[in-house]
Amino acid sequence: KFTGEIAGAWLLAAKVNDGWVIVQ
């Protein structure tokens, strides 16, 4: 969720190499 926004969103993330990426 971002400041000032009423609603947020779901997220799916995966660890790739040494970091995380938002897959969807």
PDB file of all heavy atoms in Angstrom:
ATOM      1  N   LYS A   1       0.862  -1.184   0.000  1.00  0.00           N
ATOM      2  CA  LYS A   1       0.000   0.000   0.000  1.00  0.00           C
ATOM      3  C   LYS A   1       0.894   1.227   0.000  1.00  0.00           C
ATOM      4  O   LYS A   1       1.947   1.241   0.634  1.00  0.00           O
ATOM      5  CB  LYS A   1      -0.898  -0.010   1.233  1.00  0.00           C
ATOM      6  CG  LYS A   1      -1.947   1.073   1.239  1.00  0.00           C
ATOM      7  CD  LYS A   1      -2.925   0.853   2.382  1.00  0.00           C
ATOM      8  CE  LYS A   1      -4.032   1.851   2.333  1.00  0.00           C
ATOM      9  NZ  LYS A   1      -3.692   3.172   2.826  1.00  0.00           N
ATOM     10  N   PHE A   2       0.457   2.241  -0.718  1.00  0.00           N
ATOM     11  CA  PHE A   2       1.204   3.492  -0.802  1.00  0.00           C
ATOM     12  C   PHE A   2       0.482   4.579  -0.019  1.00  0.00           C
ATOM     13  O   PHE A   2      -0.748   4.648  -0.023  1.00  0.00           O
ATOM     14  CB  PHE A   2       1.384   3.918  -2.255  1.00  0.00           C
ATOM     15  CG  PHE A   2       2.067   2.872  -3.096  1.00  0.00           C
ATOM     16  CD1 PHE A   2       1.397   2.248  -4.132  1.00  0.00           C
ATOM     17  CD2 PHE A   2       3.379   2.499  -2.837  1.00  0.00           C
ATOM     18  CE1 PHE A   2       2.020   1.273  -4.895  1.00  0.00           C
ATOM     19  CE2 PHE A   2       4.008   1.529  -3.592  1.00  0.00           C
ATOM     20  CZ  PHE A   2       3.322   0.915  -4.627  1.00  0.00           C
ATOM     21  N   THR A   3       1.223   5.433   0.648  1.00  0.00           N
ATOM     22  CA  THR A   3       0.663   6.531   1.420  1.00  0.00           C
ATOM     23  C   THR A   3      -0.289   7.354   0.553  1.00  0.00           C
ATOM     24  O   THR A   3       0.022   7.655  -0.604  1.00  0.00           O
ATOM     25  CB  THR A   3       1.793   7.438   1.952  1.00  0.00           C
ATOM     26  OG1 THR A   3       2.654   6.652   2.773  1.00  0.00           O
ATOM     27  CG2 THR A   3       1.250   8.607   2.752  1.00  0.00           C
ATOM     28  N   GLY A   4      -1.450   7.672   1.122  1.00  0.00           N
ATOM     29  CA  GLY A   4      -2.422   8.501   0.415  1.00  0.00           C
ATOM     30  C   GLY A   4      -3.397   7.724  -0.437  1.00  0.00           C
ATOM     31  O   GLY A   4      -4.354   8.301  -0.958  1.00  0.00           O
ATOM     32  N   GLU A   5      -3.198   6.433  -0.590  1.00  0.00           N
ATOM     33  CA  GLU A   5      -4.122   5.613  -1.370  1.00  0.00           C
ATOM     34  C   GLU A   5      -5.077   4.894  -0.439  1.00  0.00           C
ATOM     35  O   GLU A   5      -4.703   4.480   0.661  1.00  0.00           O
ATOM     36  CB  GLU A   5      -3.354   4.627  -2.250  1.00  0.00           C
ATOM     37  CG  GLU A   5      -2.537   5.335  -3.313  1.00  0.00           C
ATOM     38  CD  GLU A   5      -1.884   4.374  -4.309  1.00  0.00           C
ATOM     39  OE1 GLU A   5      -2.086   3.151  -4.194  1.00  0.00           O
ATOM     40  OE2 GLU A   5      -1.177   4.876  -5.189  1.00  0.00           O
ATOM     41  N   ILE A   6      -6.318   4.746  -0.865  1.00  0.00           N
ATOM     42  CA  ILE A   6      -7.351   4.145  -0.035  1.00  0.00           C
ATOM     43  C   ILE A   6      -7.130   2.645   0.140  1.00  0.00           C
ATOM     44  O   ILE A   6      -7.258   2.106   1.223  1.00  0.00           O
ATOM     45  CB  ILE A   6      -8.746   4.412  -0.631  1.00  0.00           C
ATOM     46  CG1 ILE A   6      -9.030   5.913  -0.587  1.00  0.00           C
ATOM     47  CG2 ILE A   6      -9.818   3.631   0.110  1.00  0.00           C
ATOM     48  CD1 ILE A   6     -10.259   6.326  -1.347  1.00  0.00           C
ATOM     49  N   ALA A   7      -6.818   1.971  -0.936  1.00  0.00           N
ATOM     50  CA  ALA A   7      -6.661   0.517  -0.882  1.00  0.00           C
ATOM     51  C   ALA A   7      -5.277   0.115  -1.383  1.00  0.00           C
ATOM     52  O   ALA A   7      -4.622   0.859  -2.105  1.00  0.00           O
ATOM     53  CB  ALA A   7      -7.737  -0.149  -1.728  1.00  0.00           C
ATOM     54  N   GLY A   8      -4.888  -1.074  -1.025  1.00  0.00           N
ATOM     55  CA  GLY A   8      -3.613  -1.606  -1.478  1.00  0.00           C
ATOM     56  C   GLY A   8      -3.835  -2.745  -2.451  1.00  0.00           C
ATOM     57  O   GLY A   8      -4.903  -2.877  -3.042  1.00  0.00           O
ATOM     58  N   ALA A   9      -2.829  -3.564  -2.611  1.00  0.00           N
ATOM     59  CA  ALA A   9      -2.883  -4.687  -3.540  1.00  0.00           C
ATOM     60  C   ALA A   9      -2.154  -5.873  -2.921  1.00  0.00           C
ATOM     61  O   ALA A   9      -1.348  -5.710  -2.020  1.00  0.00           O
ATOM     62  CB  ALA A   9      -2.226  -4.310  -4.863  1.00  0.00           C
ATOM     63  N   TRP A  10      -2.448  -7.056  -3.415  1.00  0.00           N
ATOM     64  CA  TRP A  10      -1.708  -8.238  -2.987  1.00  0.00           C
ATOM     65  C   TRP A  10      -0.414  -8.307  -3.785  1.00  0.00           C
ATOM     66  O   TRP A  10      -0.287  -7.663  -4.824  1.00  0.00           O
ATOM     67  CB  TRP A  10      -2.530  -9.521  -3.159  1.00  0.00           C
ATOM     68  CG  TRP A  10      -3.052  -9.732  -4.544  1.00  0.00           C
ATOM     69  CD1 TRP A  10      -4.306  -9.407  -5.000  1.00  0.00           C
ATOM     70  CD2 TRP A  10      -2.366 -10.279  -5.667  1.00  0.00           C
ATOM     71  NE1 TRP A  10      -4.431  -9.721  -6.329  1.00  0.00           N
ATOM     72  CE2 TRP A  10      -3.248 -10.266  -6.778  1.00  0.00           C
ATOM     73  CE3 TRP A  10      -1.096 -10.782  -5.869  1.00  0.00           C
ATOM     74  CZ2 TRP A  10      -2.888 -10.725  -8.037  1.00  0.00           C
ATOM     75  CZ3 TRP A  10      -0.748 -11.238  -7.131  1.00  0.00           C
ATOM     76  CH2 TRP A  10      -1.642 -11.211  -8.192  1.00  0.00           C
ATOM     77  N   LEU A  11       0.537  -9.094  -3.298  1.00  0.00           N
ATOM     78  CA  LEU A  11       1.771  -9.289  -4.052  1.00  0.00           C
ATOM     79  C   LEU A  11       2.312 -10.691  -3.814  1.00  0.00           C
ATOM     80  O   LEU A  11       2.080 -11.296  -2.771  1.00  0.00           O
ATOM     81  CB  LEU A  11       2.825  -8.237  -3.703  1.00  0.00           C
ATOM     82  CG  LEU A  11       3.496  -8.244  -2.339  1.00  0.00           C
ATOM     83  CD1 LEU A  11       4.658  -9.220  -2.290  1.00  0.00           C
ATOM     84  CD2 LEU A  11       4.005  -6.863  -2.014  1.00  0.00           C
ATOM     85  N   LEU A  12       3.012 -11.176  -4.814  1.00  0.00           N
ATOM     86  CA  LEU A  12       3.751 -12.434  -4.743  1.00  0.00           C
ATOM     87  C   LEU A  12       5.195 -12.117  -5.108  1.00  0.00           C
ATOM     88  O   LEU A  12       5.446 -11.448  -6.107  1.00  0.00           O
ATOM     89  CB  LEU A  12       3.190 -13.465  -5.723  1.00  0.00           C
ATOM     90  CG  LEU A  12       1.769 -13.940  -5.473  1.00  0.00           C
ATOM     91  CD1 LEU A  12       1.287 -14.798  -6.642  1.00  0.00           C
ATOM     92  CD2 LEU A  12       1.691 -14.726  -4.174  1.00  0.00           C
ATOM     93  N   ALA A  13       6.127 -12.586  -4.293  1.00  0.00           N
ATOM     94  CA  ALA A  13       7.539 -12.319  -4.541  1.00  0.00           C
ATOM     95  C   ALA A  13       8.329 -13.625  -4.470  1.00  0.00           C
ATOM     96  O   ALA A  13       7.921 -14.575  -3.803  1.00  0.00           O
ATOM     97  CB  ALA A  13       8.075 -11.328  -3.512  1.00  0.00           C
ATOM     98  N   ALA A  14       9.442 -13.647  -5.170  1.00  0.00           N
ATOM     99  CA  ALA A  14      10.321 -14.813  -5.166  1.00  0.00           C
ATOM    100  C   ALA A  14      11.764 -14.354  -5.018  1.00  0.00           C
ATOM    101  O   ALA A  14      12.149 -13.305  -5.532  1.00  0.00           O
ATOM    102  CB  ALA A  14      10.157 -15.618  -6.459  1.00  0.00           C
ATOM    103  N   LYS A  15      12.538 -15.162  -4.317  1.00  0.00           N
ATOM    104  CA  LYS A  15      13.957 -14.866  -4.159  1.00  0.00           C
ATOM    105  C   LYS A  15      14.681 -15.355  -5.402  1.00  0.00           C
ATOM    106  O   LYS A  15      14.569 -16.508  -5.796  1.00  0.00           O
ATOM    107  CB  LYS A  15      14.517 -15.546  -2.914  1.00  0.00           C
ATOM    108  CG  LYS A  15      15.888 -15.057  -2.545  1.00  0.00           C
ATOM    109  CD  LYS A  15      16.269 -15.514  -1.170  1.00  0.00           C
ATOM    110  CE  LYS A  15      17.564 -14.828  -0.762  1.00  0.00           C
ATOM    111  NZ  LYS A  15      17.960 -15.248   0.573  1.00  0.00           N
ATOM    112  N   VAL A  16      15.398 -14.448  -6.031  1.00  0.00           N
ATOM    113  CA  VAL A  16      16.153 -14.755  -7.241  1.00  0.00           C
ATOM    114  C   VAL A  16      17.590 -14.330  -6.990  1.00  0.00           C
ATOM    115  O   VAL A  16      17.845 -13.164  -6.682  1.00  0.00           O
ATOM    116  CB  VAL A  16      15.569 -14.013  -8.464  1.00  0.00           C
ATOM    117  CG1 VAL A  16      16.384 -14.287  -9.701  1.00  0.00           C
ATOM    118  CG2 VAL A  16      14.112 -14.388  -8.672  1.00  0.00           C
ATOM    119  N   ASN A  17      18.514 -15.272  -7.092  1.00  0.00           N
ATOM    120  CA  ASN A  17      19.917 -15.019  -6.763  1.00  0.00           C
ATOM    121  C   ASN A  17      19.998 -14.505  -5.323  1.00  0.00           C
ATOM    122  O   ASN A  17      19.586 -15.195  -4.423  1.00  0.00           O
ATOM    123  CB  ASN A  17      20.566 -14.082  -7.772  1.00  0.00           C
ATOM    124  CG  ASN A  17      20.542 -14.664  -9.173  1.00  0.00           C
ATOM    125  OD1 ASN A  17      20.753 -15.851  -9.374  1.00  0.00           O
ATOM    126  ND2 ASN A  17      20.253 -13.826 -10.155  1.00  0.00           N
ATOM    127  N   ASP A  18      20.467 -13.282  -5.121  1.00  0.00           N
ATOM    128  CA  ASP A  18      20.602 -12.752  -3.759  1.00  0.00           C
ATOM    129  C   ASP A  18      19.542 -11.724  -3.405  1.00  0.00           C
ATOM    130  O   ASP A  18      19.655 -11.060  -2.379  1.00  0.00           O
ATOM    131  CB  ASP A  18      21.990 -12.122  -3.576  1.00  0.00           C
ATOM    132  CG  ASP A  18      23.087 -13.153  -3.596  1.00  0.00           C
ATOM    133  OD1 ASP A  18      22.829 -14.300  -3.180  1.00  0.00           O
ATOM    134  OD2 ASP A  18      24.208 -12.826  -4.021  1.00  0.00           O
ATOM    135  N   GLY A  19      18.509 -11.567  -4.242  1.00  0.00           N
ATOM    136  CA  GLY A  19      17.497 -10.569  -3.966  1.00  0.00           C
ATOM    137  C   GLY A  19      16.094 -11.080  -4.216  1.00  0.00           C
ATOM    138  O   GLY A  19      15.894 -12.215  -4.633  1.00  0.00           O
ATOM    139  N   TRP A  20      15.131 -10.241  -3.951  1.00  0.00           N
ATOM    140  CA  TRP A  20      13.723 -10.576  -4.126  1.00  0.00           C
ATOM    141  C   TRP A  20      13.154  -9.787  -5.290  1.00  0.00           C
ATOM    142  O   TRP A  20      13.519  -8.629  -5.497  1.00  0.00           O
ATOM    143  CB  TRP A  20      12.945 -10.237  -2.856  1.00  0.00           C
ATOM    144  CG  TRP A  20      13.230 -11.160  -1.723  1.00  0.00           C
ATOM    145  CD1 TRP A  20      14.250 -11.069  -0.829  1.00  0.00           C
ATOM    146  CD2 TRP A  20      12.496 -12.326  -1.385  1.00  0.00           C
ATOM    147  NE1 TRP A  20      14.191 -12.117   0.061  1.00  0.00           N
ATOM    148  CE2 TRP A  20      13.116 -12.907  -0.257  1.00  0.00           C
ATOM    149  CE3 TRP A  20      11.364 -12.951  -1.910  1.00  0.00           C
ATOM    150  CZ2 TRP A  20      12.649 -14.055   0.351  1.00  0.00           C
ATOM    151  CZ3 TRP A  20      10.902 -14.100  -1.301  1.00  0.00           C
ATOM    152  CH2 TRP A  20      11.541 -14.649  -0.188  1.00  0.00           C
ATOM    153  N   VAL A  21      12.261 -10.421  -6.039  1.00  0.00           N
ATOM    154  CA  VAL A  21      11.556  -9.740  -7.127  1.00  0.00           C
ATOM    155  C   VAL A  21      10.062  -9.902  -6.905  1.00  0.00           C
ATOM    156  O   VAL A  21       9.603 -10.940  -6.412  1.00  0.00           O
ATOM    157  CB  VAL A  21      11.932 -10.285  -8.526  1.00  0.00           C
ATOM    158  CG1 VAL A  21      13.380 -10.025  -8.846  1.00  0.00           C
ATOM    159  CG2 VAL A  21      11.615 -11.746  -8.658  1.00  0.00           C
ATOM    160  N   ILE A  22       9.320  -8.869  -7.246  1.00  0.00           N
ATOM    161  CA  ILE A  22       7.861  -8.968  -7.244  1.00  0.00           C
ATOM    162  C   ILE A  22       7.484  -9.682  -8.528  1.00  0.00           C
ATOM    163  O   ILE A  22       7.708  -9.173  -9.623  1.00  0.00           O
ATOM    164  CB  ILE A  22       7.202  -7.582  -7.158  1.00  0.00           C
ATOM    165  CG1 ILE A  22       7.566  -6.918  -5.833  1.00  0.00           C
ATOM    166  CG2 ILE A  22       5.687  -7.718  -7.304  1.00  0.00           C
ATOM    167  CD1 ILE A  22       7.112  -5.482  -5.723  1.00  0.00           C
ATOM    168  N   VAL A  23       6.938 -10.877  -8.394  1.00  0.00           N
ATOM    169  CA  VAL A  23       6.560 -11.678  -9.545  1.00  0.00           C
ATOM    170  C   VAL A  23       5.233 -11.184 -10.109  1.00  0.00           C
ATOM    171  O   VAL A  23       5.066 -11.039 -11.315  1.00  0.00           O
ATOM    172  CB  VAL A  23       6.464 -13.174  -9.173  1.00  0.00           C
ATOM    173  CG1 VAL A  23       5.952 -13.998 -10.333  1.00  0.00           C
ATOM    174  CG2 VAL A  23       7.820 -13.680  -8.707  1.00  0.00           C
ATOM    175  N   GLN A  24       4.286 -10.913  -9.224  1.00  0.00           N
ATOM    176  CA  GLN A  24       2.983 -10.413  -9.657  1.00  0.00           C
ATOM    177  C   GLN A  24       2.340  -9.691  -8.488  1.00  0.00           C
ATOM    178  O   GLN A  24       2.555 -10.036  -7.331  1.00  0.00           O
ATOM    179  CB  GLN A  24       2.090 -11.552 -10.142  1.00  0.00           C
ATOM    180  CG  GLN A  24       0.856 -11.065 -10.854  1.00  0.00           C
ATOM    181  CD  GLN A  24       0.047 -12.196 -11.485  1.00  0.00           C
ATOM    182  OE1 GLN A  24       0.267 -13.368 -11.223  1.00  0.00           O
ATOM    183  NE2 GLN A  24      -0.892 -11.815 -12.314  1.00  0.00           N
TER     184      GLN A  24
END
